[in-house]
N, C-alpha and C. Protein backbone atom coordinates (compact mmCIF):
# COMPACT_ATOMS: atom_id res chain seq x y z
N MET A 1 0.85 -1.21 0.00
CA MET A 1 0.00 0.00 0.00
C MET A 1 0.88 1.24 0.00
N GLU A 2 0.57 2.20 -0.87
CA GLU A 2 1.35 3.42 -0.95
C GLU A 2 1.04 4.32 0.25
N PRO A 3 2.04 5.02 0.76
CA PRO A 3 1.79 5.91 1.91
C PRO A 3 0.87 7.06 1.52
N VAL A 4 0.11 7.52 2.51
CA VAL A 4 -0.83 8.62 2.28
C VAL A 4 -0.11 9.94 2.37
N ASP A 5 -0.31 10.78 1.36
CA ASP A 5 0.27 12.12 1.37
C ASP A 5 -0.63 13.03 2.19
N ARG A 6 -0.20 13.31 3.43
CA ARG A 6 -1.06 14.09 4.35
C ARG A 6 -1.26 15.52 3.85
N SER A 7 -0.36 16.03 3.07
CA SER A 7 -0.52 17.40 2.58
C SER A 7 -1.69 17.52 1.62
N GLN A 8 -2.12 16.39 1.03
CA GLN A 8 -3.20 16.42 0.07
C GLN A 8 -4.56 16.20 0.73
N VAL A 9 -4.59 15.44 1.81
CA VAL A 9 -5.87 15.11 2.42
C VAL A 9 -6.15 15.94 3.66
N GLY A 10 -5.18 16.73 4.13
CA GLY A 10 -5.42 17.53 5.31
C GLY A 10 -5.49 16.63 6.53
N ARG A 11 -6.37 16.95 7.48
CA ARG A 11 -6.48 16.14 8.68
C ARG A 11 -7.12 14.80 8.37
N ILE A 12 -6.55 13.73 8.89
CA ILE A 12 -7.13 12.40 8.73
C ILE A 12 -8.04 12.14 9.91
N TYR A 13 -9.28 11.75 9.64
CA TYR A 13 -10.26 11.52 10.70
C TYR A 13 -9.81 10.35 11.57
N SER A 14 -9.69 10.61 12.87
CA SER A 14 -9.16 9.61 13.79
C SER A 14 -10.23 8.77 14.46
N GLY A 15 -11.48 9.09 14.22
CA GLY A 15 -12.55 8.36 14.88
C GLY A 15 -13.25 9.18 15.94
N ARG A 16 -12.62 10.26 16.38
CA ARG A 16 -13.26 11.15 17.35
C ARG A 16 -14.18 12.12 16.62
N PRO A 17 -15.24 12.58 17.27
CA PRO A 17 -16.15 13.53 16.61
C PRO A 17 -15.42 14.77 16.15
N GLN A 18 -15.69 15.18 14.93
CA GLN A 18 -15.09 16.39 14.41
C GLN A 18 -15.89 17.60 14.85
N GLN A 19 -15.22 18.74 14.89
CA GLN A 19 -15.89 19.97 15.27
C GLN A 19 -16.50 20.59 14.03
N HIS A 20 -17.78 20.87 14.09
CA HIS A 20 -18.48 21.47 12.95
C HIS A 20 -19.05 22.82 13.37
N ASN A 21 -18.89 23.79 12.54
CA ASN A 21 -19.50 25.10 12.76
C ASN A 21 -20.60 25.27 11.73
N PHE A 22 -21.82 25.03 12.16
CA PHE A 22 -22.94 25.12 11.23
C PHE A 22 -23.36 26.56 11.07
N GLN A 23 -23.53 27.00 9.84
CA GLN A 23 -23.97 28.35 9.54
C GLN A 23 -25.18 28.30 8.63
N THR A 24 -26.00 29.32 8.74
CA THR A 24 -27.17 29.39 7.86
C THR A 24 -26.72 29.61 6.43
N PRO A 25 -27.11 28.74 5.50
CA PRO A 25 -26.68 28.92 4.11
C PRO A 25 -27.22 30.21 3.54
N PRO A 26 -26.53 30.79 2.57
CA PRO A 26 -27.01 32.05 1.98
C PRO A 26 -28.37 31.90 1.35
N ASN A 27 -29.18 32.97 1.47
CA ASN A 27 -30.51 33.03 0.85
C ASN A 27 -31.50 32.04 1.44
N ARG A 28 -31.19 31.51 2.61
CA ARG A 28 -32.17 30.60 3.20
C ARG A 28 -33.34 31.40 3.75
N GLY A 29 -33.08 32.66 4.15
CA GLY A 29 -34.17 33.49 4.64
C GLY A 29 -34.00 33.81 6.10
N GLU A 30 -34.79 34.73 6.56
CA GLU A 30 -34.76 35.10 7.96
C GLU A 30 -36.18 35.40 8.38
N GLU A 31 -36.42 35.29 9.66
CA GLU A 31 -37.79 35.41 10.12
C GLU A 31 -37.90 36.46 11.20
N ASN A 32 -38.89 37.31 11.06
CA ASN A 32 -39.24 38.28 12.08
C ASN A 32 -40.74 38.12 12.30
N PRO A 33 -41.17 37.78 13.52
CA PRO A 33 -42.60 37.50 13.73
C PRO A 33 -43.51 38.63 13.31
N GLN A 34 -43.02 39.88 13.35
CA GLN A 34 -43.86 41.00 12.99
C GLN A 34 -43.90 41.23 11.48
N GLU A 35 -42.94 40.69 10.76
CA GLU A 35 -42.86 40.95 9.34
C GLU A 35 -43.19 39.74 8.49
N GLY A 36 -43.44 38.61 9.10
CA GLY A 36 -43.61 37.40 8.32
C GLY A 36 -42.26 36.78 8.05
N PHE A 37 -42.23 35.84 7.15
CA PHE A 37 -40.99 35.11 6.85
C PHE A 37 -40.38 35.65 5.58
N ARG A 38 -39.09 36.04 5.67
CA ARG A 38 -38.41 36.60 4.51
C ARG A 38 -37.59 35.52 3.83
N LYS A 39 -37.86 35.31 2.55
CA LYS A 39 -37.07 34.36 1.78
C LYS A 39 -35.85 35.06 1.20
N GLY A 40 -35.16 34.36 0.31
CA GLY A 40 -33.89 34.86 -0.21
C GLY A 40 -34.03 36.11 -1.04
N GLY A 41 -32.90 36.55 -1.58
CA GLY A 41 -32.88 37.78 -2.35
C GLY A 41 -32.21 38.88 -1.58
N PRO A 42 -31.82 39.94 -2.22
CA PRO A 42 -31.14 41.04 -1.56
C PRO A 42 -32.10 41.84 -0.70
N ARG A 43 -31.55 42.77 0.04
CA ARG A 43 -32.38 43.68 0.82
C ARG A 43 -33.24 44.53 -0.10
N SER A 44 -34.24 45.17 0.50
CA SER A 44 -35.18 45.96 -0.29
C SER A 44 -34.48 47.05 -1.08
N SER A 45 -34.98 47.31 -2.29
CA SER A 45 -34.43 48.39 -3.11
C SER A 45 -35.08 49.69 -2.66
N LEU A 46 -34.75 50.76 -3.37
CA LEU A 46 -35.30 52.07 -3.03
C LEU A 46 -36.74 52.24 -3.48
N SER A 47 -37.26 51.32 -4.28
CA SER A 47 -38.62 51.44 -4.77
C SER A 47 -39.62 51.32 -3.63
N PRO A 48 -40.59 52.23 -3.55
CA PRO A 48 -41.61 52.15 -2.49
C PRO A 48 -42.74 51.18 -2.82
N LEU A 49 -42.73 50.63 -4.02
CA LEU A 49 -43.83 49.77 -4.46
C LEU A 49 -43.74 48.39 -3.82
N ILE A 50 -44.91 47.84 -3.50
CA ILE A 50 -45.02 46.50 -2.93
C ILE A 50 -45.91 45.67 -3.85
N LEU A 51 -45.43 44.49 -4.18
CA LEU A 51 -46.18 43.59 -5.04
C LEU A 51 -46.78 42.47 -4.20
N GLY A 52 -48.10 42.33 -4.26
CA GLY A 52 -48.78 41.23 -3.59
C GLY A 52 -49.20 40.21 -4.62
N ILE A 53 -49.02 38.93 -4.29
CA ILE A 53 -49.32 37.87 -5.26
C ILE A 53 -50.13 36.77 -4.58
N ASP A 54 -51.20 36.35 -5.25
CA ASP A 54 -52.01 35.22 -4.81
C ASP A 54 -51.83 34.11 -5.83
N PRO A 55 -50.90 33.17 -5.60
CA PRO A 55 -50.57 32.17 -6.62
C PRO A 55 -51.66 31.12 -6.81
N GLY A 56 -51.79 30.66 -8.04
CA GLY A 56 -52.70 29.58 -8.37
C GLY A 56 -52.47 29.16 -9.80
N LEU A 57 -52.61 27.89 -10.10
CA LEU A 57 -52.38 27.43 -11.46
C LEU A 57 -53.50 27.89 -12.39
N ALA A 58 -54.73 27.87 -11.92
CA ALA A 58 -55.87 28.30 -12.74
C ALA A 58 -55.97 29.82 -12.79
N GLY A 59 -55.65 30.47 -11.70
CA GLY A 59 -55.72 31.93 -11.64
C GLY A 59 -54.75 32.48 -10.62
N THR A 60 -53.93 33.46 -11.01
CA THR A 60 -52.97 34.10 -10.11
C THR A 60 -53.27 35.58 -10.04
N GLY A 61 -53.48 36.08 -8.83
CA GLY A 61 -53.77 37.49 -8.64
C GLY A 61 -52.52 38.30 -8.37
N PHE A 62 -52.48 39.51 -8.92
CA PHE A 62 -51.35 40.43 -8.71
C PHE A 62 -51.91 41.77 -8.25
N ALA A 63 -51.22 42.40 -7.31
CA ALA A 63 -51.61 43.74 -6.87
C ALA A 63 -50.36 44.55 -6.58
N LEU A 64 -50.35 45.80 -7.04
CA LEU A 64 -49.21 46.68 -6.86
C LEU A 64 -49.63 47.87 -6.00
N LEU A 65 -48.96 48.04 -4.87
CA LEU A 65 -49.29 49.11 -3.93
C LEU A 65 -48.19 50.16 -3.90
N SER A 66 -48.59 51.42 -3.75
CA SER A 66 -47.63 52.49 -3.54
C SER A 66 -47.62 52.92 -2.08
N GLY A 67 -48.47 52.30 -1.28
CA GLY A 67 -48.56 52.58 0.15
C GLY A 67 -49.65 51.71 0.73
N PRO A 68 -49.80 51.73 2.07
CA PRO A 68 -50.80 50.86 2.70
C PRO A 68 -52.23 51.08 2.22
N GLY A 69 -52.53 52.29 1.67
CA GLY A 69 -53.90 52.57 1.30
C GLY A 69 -54.14 52.85 -0.16
N THR A 70 -53.12 52.70 -1.00
CA THR A 70 -53.26 53.04 -2.41
C THR A 70 -52.85 51.86 -3.30
N VAL A 71 -53.81 51.36 -4.08
CA VAL A 71 -53.55 50.26 -5.01
C VAL A 71 -53.37 50.87 -6.40
N LEU A 72 -52.18 50.71 -6.94
CA LEU A 72 -51.91 51.25 -8.28
C LEU A 72 -52.57 50.41 -9.35
N SER A 73 -52.49 49.10 -9.21
CA SER A 73 -53.09 48.20 -10.20
C SER A 73 -53.33 46.84 -9.58
N SER A 74 -54.28 46.13 -10.14
CA SER A 74 -54.57 44.77 -9.68
C SER A 74 -55.24 44.01 -10.81
N ASN A 75 -54.81 42.78 -11.01
CA ASN A 75 -55.39 41.97 -12.07
C ASN A 75 -55.17 40.50 -11.77
N THR A 76 -55.81 39.67 -12.56
CA THR A 76 -55.69 38.22 -12.40
C THR A 76 -55.34 37.59 -13.74
N VAL A 77 -54.34 36.75 -13.73
CA VAL A 77 -53.97 35.97 -14.91
C VAL A 77 -54.71 34.64 -14.83
N VAL A 78 -55.60 34.41 -15.76
CA VAL A 78 -56.38 33.17 -15.80
C VAL A 78 -55.81 32.29 -16.90
N THR A 79 -55.46 31.06 -16.56
CA THR A 79 -54.89 30.15 -17.55
C THR A 79 -55.92 29.11 -17.97
N SER A 80 -55.86 28.70 -19.22
CA SER A 80 -56.79 27.70 -19.74
C SER A 80 -56.31 26.30 -19.38
N PRO A 81 -57.23 25.36 -19.19
CA PRO A 81 -56.84 23.98 -18.90
C PRO A 81 -55.92 23.45 -19.99
N GLY A 82 -54.91 22.71 -19.57
CA GLY A 82 -53.94 22.18 -20.52
C GLY A 82 -52.68 21.78 -19.79
N PRO A 83 -51.58 21.61 -20.48
CA PRO A 83 -50.32 21.23 -19.85
C PRO A 83 -49.90 22.24 -18.79
N ASP A 84 -49.44 21.74 -17.66
CA ASP A 84 -49.06 22.63 -16.57
C ASP A 84 -47.93 23.57 -16.97
N GLY A 85 -47.00 23.08 -17.78
CA GLY A 85 -45.87 23.92 -18.18
C GLY A 85 -46.30 25.17 -18.92
N ALA A 86 -47.26 25.03 -19.82
CA ALA A 86 -47.75 26.18 -20.59
C ALA A 86 -48.48 27.17 -19.68
N ARG A 87 -49.18 26.66 -18.69
CA ARG A 87 -49.91 27.55 -17.78
C ARG A 87 -48.93 28.32 -16.89
N LEU A 88 -47.91 27.64 -16.41
CA LEU A 88 -46.89 28.30 -15.59
C LEU A 88 -46.13 29.34 -16.41
N LEU A 89 -45.90 29.05 -17.67
CA LEU A 89 -45.21 30.00 -18.54
C LEU A 89 -46.02 31.27 -18.71
N ALA A 90 -47.34 31.14 -18.85
CA ALA A 90 -48.19 32.32 -18.97
C ALA A 90 -48.12 33.19 -17.72
N ILE A 91 -48.08 32.54 -16.54
CA ILE A 91 -48.01 33.28 -15.28
C ILE A 91 -46.67 34.01 -15.15
N THR A 92 -45.58 33.30 -15.43
CA THR A 92 -44.27 33.92 -15.26
C THR A 92 -44.01 35.01 -16.31
N ARG A 93 -44.55 34.85 -17.51
CA ARG A 93 -44.40 35.91 -18.51
C ARG A 93 -45.09 37.19 -18.06
N HIS A 94 -46.29 37.05 -17.51
CA HIS A 94 -47.00 38.22 -17.01
C HIS A 94 -46.22 38.86 -15.86
N LEU A 95 -45.69 38.04 -14.97
CA LEU A 95 -44.93 38.56 -13.83
C LEU A 95 -43.69 39.31 -14.30
N ARG A 96 -42.96 38.75 -15.25
CA ARG A 96 -41.76 39.42 -15.76
C ARG A 96 -42.12 40.78 -16.39
N ALA A 97 -43.22 40.82 -17.14
CA ALA A 97 -43.64 42.08 -17.76
C ALA A 97 -44.01 43.10 -16.69
N LEU A 98 -44.66 42.65 -15.65
CA LEU A 98 -45.06 43.54 -14.56
C LEU A 98 -43.82 44.10 -13.85
N LEU A 99 -42.85 43.25 -13.59
CA LEU A 99 -41.62 43.67 -12.91
C LEU A 99 -40.83 44.64 -13.77
N ALA A 100 -40.85 44.44 -15.08
CA ALA A 100 -40.12 45.33 -15.97
C ALA A 100 -40.77 46.71 -16.05
N GLU A 101 -42.10 46.74 -16.02
CA GLU A 101 -42.83 48.02 -16.15
C GLU A 101 -42.83 48.80 -14.86
N ASN A 102 -43.05 48.12 -13.73
CA ASN A 102 -43.10 48.79 -12.41
C ASN A 102 -42.32 47.95 -11.39
N PRO A 103 -41.01 48.08 -11.35
CA PRO A 103 -40.21 47.26 -10.43
C PRO A 103 -40.56 47.56 -8.96
N PRO A 104 -41.00 46.55 -8.22
CA PRO A 104 -41.32 46.77 -6.81
C PRO A 104 -40.07 46.64 -5.93
N GLY A 105 -40.15 47.21 -4.74
CA GLY A 105 -39.05 47.06 -3.79
C GLY A 105 -39.11 45.73 -3.08
N GLU A 106 -40.34 45.22 -2.87
CA GLU A 106 -40.53 43.97 -2.16
C GLU A 106 -41.77 43.26 -2.71
N ALA A 107 -41.84 41.96 -2.48
CA ALA A 107 -43.02 41.18 -2.87
C ALA A 107 -43.50 40.41 -1.65
N SER A 108 -44.79 40.11 -1.62
CA SER A 108 -45.35 39.38 -0.48
C SER A 108 -46.35 38.34 -0.98
N LEU A 109 -46.32 37.18 -0.31
CA LEU A 109 -47.21 36.08 -0.62
C LEU A 109 -47.68 35.46 0.69
N GLU A 110 -48.78 34.72 0.60
CA GLU A 110 -49.19 33.92 1.75
C GLU A 110 -48.37 32.63 1.78
N GLU A 111 -48.12 32.13 2.99
CA GLU A 111 -47.47 30.84 3.10
C GLU A 111 -48.37 29.76 2.52
N LEU A 112 -47.76 28.69 2.05
CA LEU A 112 -48.53 27.60 1.46
C LEU A 112 -49.38 26.93 2.52
N PHE A 113 -50.68 26.82 2.23
CA PHE A 113 -51.61 26.20 3.17
C PHE A 113 -52.17 24.94 2.54
N MET A 114 -51.97 23.81 3.20
CA MET A 114 -52.46 22.54 2.68
C MET A 114 -53.86 22.28 3.22
N GLY A 115 -54.85 22.57 2.41
CA GLY A 115 -56.24 22.36 2.82
C GLY A 115 -56.72 20.97 2.46
N ARG A 116 -58.02 20.83 2.37
CA ARG A 116 -58.60 19.52 2.07
C ARG A 116 -58.46 19.14 0.60
N ASN A 117 -58.40 20.13 -0.26
CA ASN A 117 -58.31 19.87 -1.69
C ASN A 117 -56.85 19.73 -2.10
N ALA A 118 -56.37 18.49 -2.17
CA ALA A 118 -54.96 18.24 -2.48
C ALA A 118 -54.62 18.68 -3.90
N THR A 119 -55.54 18.49 -4.84
CA THR A 119 -55.29 18.87 -6.23
C THR A 119 -55.05 20.37 -6.35
N SER A 120 -55.89 21.15 -5.67
CA SER A 120 -55.74 22.59 -5.70
C SER A 120 -54.42 23.01 -5.05
N ALA A 121 -54.06 22.35 -3.95
CA ALA A 121 -52.81 22.68 -3.25
C ALA A 121 -51.60 22.42 -4.13
N ILE A 122 -51.64 21.36 -4.92
CA ILE A 122 -50.53 21.06 -5.83
C ILE A 122 -50.38 22.16 -6.88
N GLY A 123 -51.52 22.61 -7.43
CA GLY A 123 -51.47 23.69 -8.41
C GLY A 123 -50.92 24.97 -7.82
N VAL A 124 -51.32 25.28 -6.60
CA VAL A 124 -50.82 26.48 -5.92
C VAL A 124 -49.31 26.35 -5.70
N ALA A 125 -48.87 25.17 -5.28
CA ALA A 125 -47.45 24.95 -5.03
C ALA A 125 -46.63 25.11 -6.32
N GLN A 126 -47.17 24.61 -7.43
CA GLN A 126 -46.48 24.76 -8.71
C GLN A 126 -46.35 26.23 -9.09
N ALA A 127 -47.43 26.97 -8.96
CA ALA A 127 -47.41 28.39 -9.31
C ALA A 127 -46.47 29.16 -8.38
N ARG A 128 -46.51 28.84 -7.10
CA ARG A 128 -45.62 29.50 -6.13
C ARG A 128 -44.16 29.28 -6.51
N GLY A 129 -43.82 28.04 -6.85
CA GLY A 129 -42.44 27.74 -7.19
C GLY A 129 -41.96 28.54 -8.39
N ALA A 130 -42.79 28.62 -9.42
CA ALA A 130 -42.42 29.38 -10.61
C ALA A 130 -42.29 30.87 -10.29
N ILE A 131 -43.21 31.38 -9.49
CA ILE A 131 -43.19 32.80 -9.12
C ILE A 131 -41.97 33.13 -8.26
N LEU A 132 -41.68 32.29 -7.28
CA LEU A 132 -40.53 32.53 -6.41
C LEU A 132 -39.22 32.50 -7.20
N MET A 133 -39.16 31.63 -8.20
CA MET A 133 -37.97 31.56 -9.03
C MET A 133 -37.74 32.88 -9.78
N VAL A 134 -38.81 33.43 -10.36
CA VAL A 134 -38.69 34.69 -11.11
C VAL A 134 -38.31 35.83 -10.17
N LEU A 135 -38.93 35.90 -9.00
CA LEU A 135 -38.62 36.97 -8.06
C LEU A 135 -37.18 36.88 -7.57
N GLU A 136 -36.71 35.68 -7.33
CA GLU A 136 -35.31 35.50 -6.92
C GLU A 136 -34.36 35.90 -8.04
N GLU A 137 -34.70 35.50 -9.25
CA GLU A 137 -33.87 35.83 -10.41
C GLU A 137 -33.78 37.34 -10.61
N CYS A 138 -34.88 38.04 -10.32
CA CYS A 138 -34.92 39.49 -10.51
C CYS A 138 -34.44 40.26 -9.28
N GLY A 139 -34.06 39.54 -8.23
CA GLY A 139 -33.54 40.20 -7.04
C GLY A 139 -34.58 40.89 -6.19
N ILE A 140 -35.82 40.40 -6.20
CA ILE A 140 -36.89 41.01 -5.41
C ILE A 140 -37.03 40.26 -4.08
N PRO A 141 -36.84 40.92 -2.94
CA PRO A 141 -37.03 40.25 -1.65
C PRO A 141 -38.48 39.81 -1.49
N VAL A 142 -38.68 38.63 -0.93
CA VAL A 142 -40.02 38.05 -0.78
C VAL A 142 -40.32 37.85 0.70
N PHE A 143 -41.51 38.28 1.11
CA PHE A 143 -41.97 38.08 2.48
C PHE A 143 -43.25 37.25 2.46
N GLU A 144 -43.32 36.30 3.36
CA GLU A 144 -44.48 35.41 3.41
C GLU A 144 -45.20 35.54 4.75
N TYR A 145 -46.53 35.44 4.70
CA TYR A 145 -47.37 35.58 5.88
C TYR A 145 -48.35 34.43 5.97
N LYS A 146 -48.62 34.02 7.17
CA LYS A 146 -49.66 33.01 7.38
C LYS A 146 -51.02 33.63 7.08
N PRO A 147 -51.98 32.85 6.60
CA PRO A 147 -53.31 33.39 6.34
C PRO A 147 -53.91 34.10 7.55
N SER A 148 -53.69 33.55 8.74
CA SER A 148 -54.24 34.17 9.96
C SER A 148 -53.60 35.53 10.22
N GLN A 149 -52.32 35.70 9.87
CA GLN A 149 -51.66 36.99 10.03
C GLN A 149 -52.31 38.05 9.16
N VAL A 150 -52.59 37.68 7.92
CA VAL A 150 -53.23 38.62 7.00
C VAL A 150 -54.60 39.04 7.53
N LYS A 151 -55.36 38.08 8.01
CA LYS A 151 -56.70 38.37 8.52
C LYS A 151 -56.66 39.27 9.75
N ILE A 152 -55.70 39.04 10.64
CA ILE A 152 -55.60 39.85 11.85
C ILE A 152 -55.23 41.28 11.49
N VAL A 153 -54.27 41.45 10.59
CA VAL A 153 -53.84 42.80 10.21
C VAL A 153 -54.98 43.58 9.56
N LEU A 154 -55.78 42.91 8.74
CA LEU A 154 -56.85 43.60 8.00
C LEU A 154 -58.13 43.77 8.80
N THR A 155 -58.49 42.76 9.59
CA THR A 155 -59.79 42.78 10.27
C THR A 155 -59.70 42.71 11.80
N GLY A 156 -58.53 42.34 12.31
CA GLY A 156 -58.41 42.16 13.76
C GLY A 156 -58.90 40.81 14.22
N TYR A 157 -59.28 39.95 13.29
CA TYR A 157 -59.84 38.63 13.63
C TYR A 157 -59.18 37.59 12.75
N GLY A 158 -58.50 36.63 13.37
CA GLY A 158 -57.72 35.65 12.64
C GLY A 158 -58.50 34.61 11.87
N LYS A 159 -59.84 34.57 12.07
CA LYS A 159 -60.66 33.60 11.35
C LYS A 159 -61.69 34.28 10.45
N ALA A 160 -61.40 35.49 10.05
CA ALA A 160 -62.33 36.24 9.18
C ALA A 160 -62.49 35.51 7.84
N ASP A 161 -63.70 35.57 7.27
CA ASP A 161 -63.92 34.95 5.98
C ASP A 161 -63.61 35.96 4.87
N LYS A 162 -63.71 35.51 3.61
CA LYS A 162 -63.35 36.35 2.48
C LYS A 162 -64.27 37.55 2.32
N GLN A 163 -65.54 37.39 2.67
CA GLN A 163 -66.47 38.52 2.57
C GLN A 163 -66.10 39.61 3.58
N GLN A 164 -65.73 39.22 4.79
CA GLN A 164 -65.31 40.20 5.79
C GLN A 164 -64.05 40.93 5.34
N ILE A 165 -63.10 40.18 4.78
CA ILE A 165 -61.86 40.79 4.29
C ILE A 165 -62.16 41.77 3.16
N ALA A 166 -63.05 41.37 2.24
CA ALA A 166 -63.41 42.24 1.11
C ALA A 166 -64.05 43.54 1.60
N ARG A 167 -64.92 43.44 2.60
CA ARG A 167 -65.57 44.64 3.14
C ARG A 167 -64.55 45.57 3.79
N MET A 168 -63.60 45.01 4.53
CA MET A 168 -62.59 45.83 5.20
C MET A 168 -61.66 46.48 4.18
N LEU A 169 -61.33 45.76 3.12
CA LEU A 169 -60.50 46.35 2.07
C LEU A 169 -61.21 47.52 1.42
N ALA A 170 -62.50 47.34 1.11
CA ALA A 170 -63.28 48.40 0.47
C ALA A 170 -63.37 49.64 1.35
N ALA A 171 -63.39 49.44 2.67
CA ALA A 171 -63.52 50.56 3.60
C ALA A 171 -62.19 51.24 3.88
N GLN A 172 -61.09 50.52 3.75
CA GLN A 172 -59.80 51.04 4.18
C GLN A 172 -58.85 51.39 3.05
N VAL A 173 -59.08 50.80 1.87
CA VAL A 173 -58.12 50.94 0.77
C VAL A 173 -58.81 51.53 -0.46
N LYS A 174 -58.08 52.38 -1.18
CA LYS A 174 -58.59 52.91 -2.43
C LYS A 174 -58.38 51.87 -3.52
N LEU A 175 -59.45 51.15 -3.86
CA LEU A 175 -59.36 50.06 -4.81
C LEU A 175 -59.49 50.58 -6.25
N PRO A 176 -58.92 49.85 -7.21
CA PRO A 176 -59.09 50.24 -8.62
C PRO A 176 -60.55 50.12 -9.03
N GLU A 177 -60.94 50.90 -10.02
CA GLU A 177 -62.30 50.83 -10.51
C GLU A 177 -62.54 49.52 -11.25
N GLY A 178 -63.78 49.08 -11.24
CA GLY A 178 -64.12 47.82 -11.90
C GLY A 178 -64.22 46.68 -10.91
N LYS A 179 -64.72 45.58 -11.40
CA LYS A 179 -64.92 44.41 -10.55
C LYS A 179 -63.61 43.64 -10.39
N LEU A 180 -63.31 43.26 -9.16
CA LEU A 180 -62.12 42.48 -8.86
C LEU A 180 -62.53 41.08 -8.41
N ASP A 181 -61.88 40.07 -8.95
CA ASP A 181 -62.22 38.72 -8.53
C ASP A 181 -61.49 38.36 -7.24
N VAL A 182 -61.72 37.16 -6.75
CA VAL A 182 -61.19 36.76 -5.46
C VAL A 182 -59.67 36.71 -5.46
N HIS A 183 -59.05 36.35 -6.58
CA HIS A 183 -57.59 36.28 -6.64
C HIS A 183 -56.97 37.68 -6.54
N ALA A 184 -57.55 38.64 -7.24
CA ALA A 184 -57.05 40.01 -7.18
C ALA A 184 -57.22 40.59 -5.78
N LEU A 185 -58.36 40.32 -5.15
CA LEU A 185 -58.59 40.82 -3.79
C LEU A 185 -57.63 40.19 -2.80
N ASP A 186 -57.34 38.90 -2.95
CA ASP A 186 -56.38 38.24 -2.07
C ASP A 186 -54.98 38.83 -2.25
N ALA A 187 -54.63 39.16 -3.49
CA ALA A 187 -53.33 39.77 -3.75
C ALA A 187 -53.23 41.14 -3.10
N ILE A 188 -54.32 41.91 -3.17
CA ILE A 188 -54.35 43.22 -2.50
C ILE A 188 -54.21 43.04 -0.99
N ALA A 189 -54.92 42.06 -0.45
CA ALA A 189 -54.90 41.83 0.99
C ALA A 189 -53.49 41.51 1.49
N ILE A 190 -52.78 40.63 0.79
CA ILE A 190 -51.44 40.27 1.24
C ILE A 190 -50.47 41.43 1.08
N ALA A 191 -50.67 42.26 0.04
CA ALA A 191 -49.81 43.43 -0.14
C ALA A 191 -50.06 44.46 0.96
N VAL A 192 -51.33 44.69 1.27
CA VAL A 192 -51.67 45.63 2.35
C VAL A 192 -51.14 45.12 3.68
N CYS A 193 -51.26 43.83 3.92
CA CYS A 193 -50.74 43.23 5.14
C CYS A 193 -49.25 43.51 5.28
N HIS A 194 -48.51 43.33 4.21
CA HIS A 194 -47.07 43.56 4.28
C HIS A 194 -46.75 45.04 4.48
N ALA A 195 -47.46 45.90 3.78
CA ALA A 195 -47.22 47.34 3.91
C ALA A 195 -47.45 47.80 5.35
N ARG A 196 -48.50 47.33 5.97
CA ARG A 196 -48.79 47.73 7.34
C ARG A 196 -47.82 47.10 8.32
N SER A 197 -47.44 45.88 8.07
CA SER A 197 -46.46 45.22 8.94
C SER A 197 -45.13 45.95 8.91
N ARG A 198 -44.76 46.44 7.75
CA ARG A 198 -43.53 47.22 7.64
C ARG A 198 -43.64 48.53 8.42
N GLN A 199 -44.80 49.15 8.37
CA GLN A 199 -45.01 50.37 9.14
C GLN A 199 -44.88 50.12 10.63
N PHE A 200 -45.51 49.04 11.11
CA PHE A 200 -45.45 48.70 12.53
C PHE A 200 -44.00 48.46 12.95
N THR A 201 -43.25 47.75 12.12
CA THR A 201 -41.86 47.43 12.47
C THR A 201 -41.00 48.68 12.52
N ARG A 202 -41.18 49.57 11.54
CA ARG A 202 -40.39 50.80 11.53
C ARG A 202 -40.74 51.70 12.70
N ALA A 203 -42.01 51.73 13.06
CA ALA A 203 -42.43 52.55 14.21
C ALA A 203 -41.85 52.00 15.50
N ALA A 204 -41.75 50.68 15.61
CA ALA A 204 -41.22 50.06 16.82
C ALA A 204 -39.71 50.31 16.95
N VAL A 205 -39.03 50.44 15.81
CA VAL A 205 -37.58 50.65 15.84
C VAL A 205 -37.24 52.05 16.26
N ARG A 206 -38.09 53.01 15.93
CA ARG A 206 -37.80 54.42 16.24
C ARG A 206 -37.83 54.67 17.75
């Protein structure tokens, strides 16, 4: 047997436990209970705009806010039944166009909730993955909130239904003209939640 060149292998493991210094990998995210969960990406840019997204394979809602009470735009991308890849491509193309036209400083989504409808949850997960990839690629910081957090911020009640949330949004936020579907309203709700959470955090720091 040829002798081992120790200069090439460094320390040879002797059987005793090695010392490991575990560090959080880059872009894993950080969590602040008042702000929701922050995923990867750089710190916020100078843009005051906040993008709220309600992911879904059949329909994805988008909302762009310039402040806690002003919605600049809101719409829903509806995809036709067919191959999942083509539907995800339609969603990401719309997102890229939106980011190019009005680059936001931050984006916000609800955390993935596994309900009773597994098929729907899979579609949401697919859309979320594609959306998160584009946001990461474009360097947009992403913040996630639990559904109960959004409800508490908007209504003060963690089990509020969609009708209650819609009424509170109509009373508190200047909504775009025209009829908004449930996906667009959910996108507005998550964006408003993030905008207000940021206000609370900044006020607490002062």
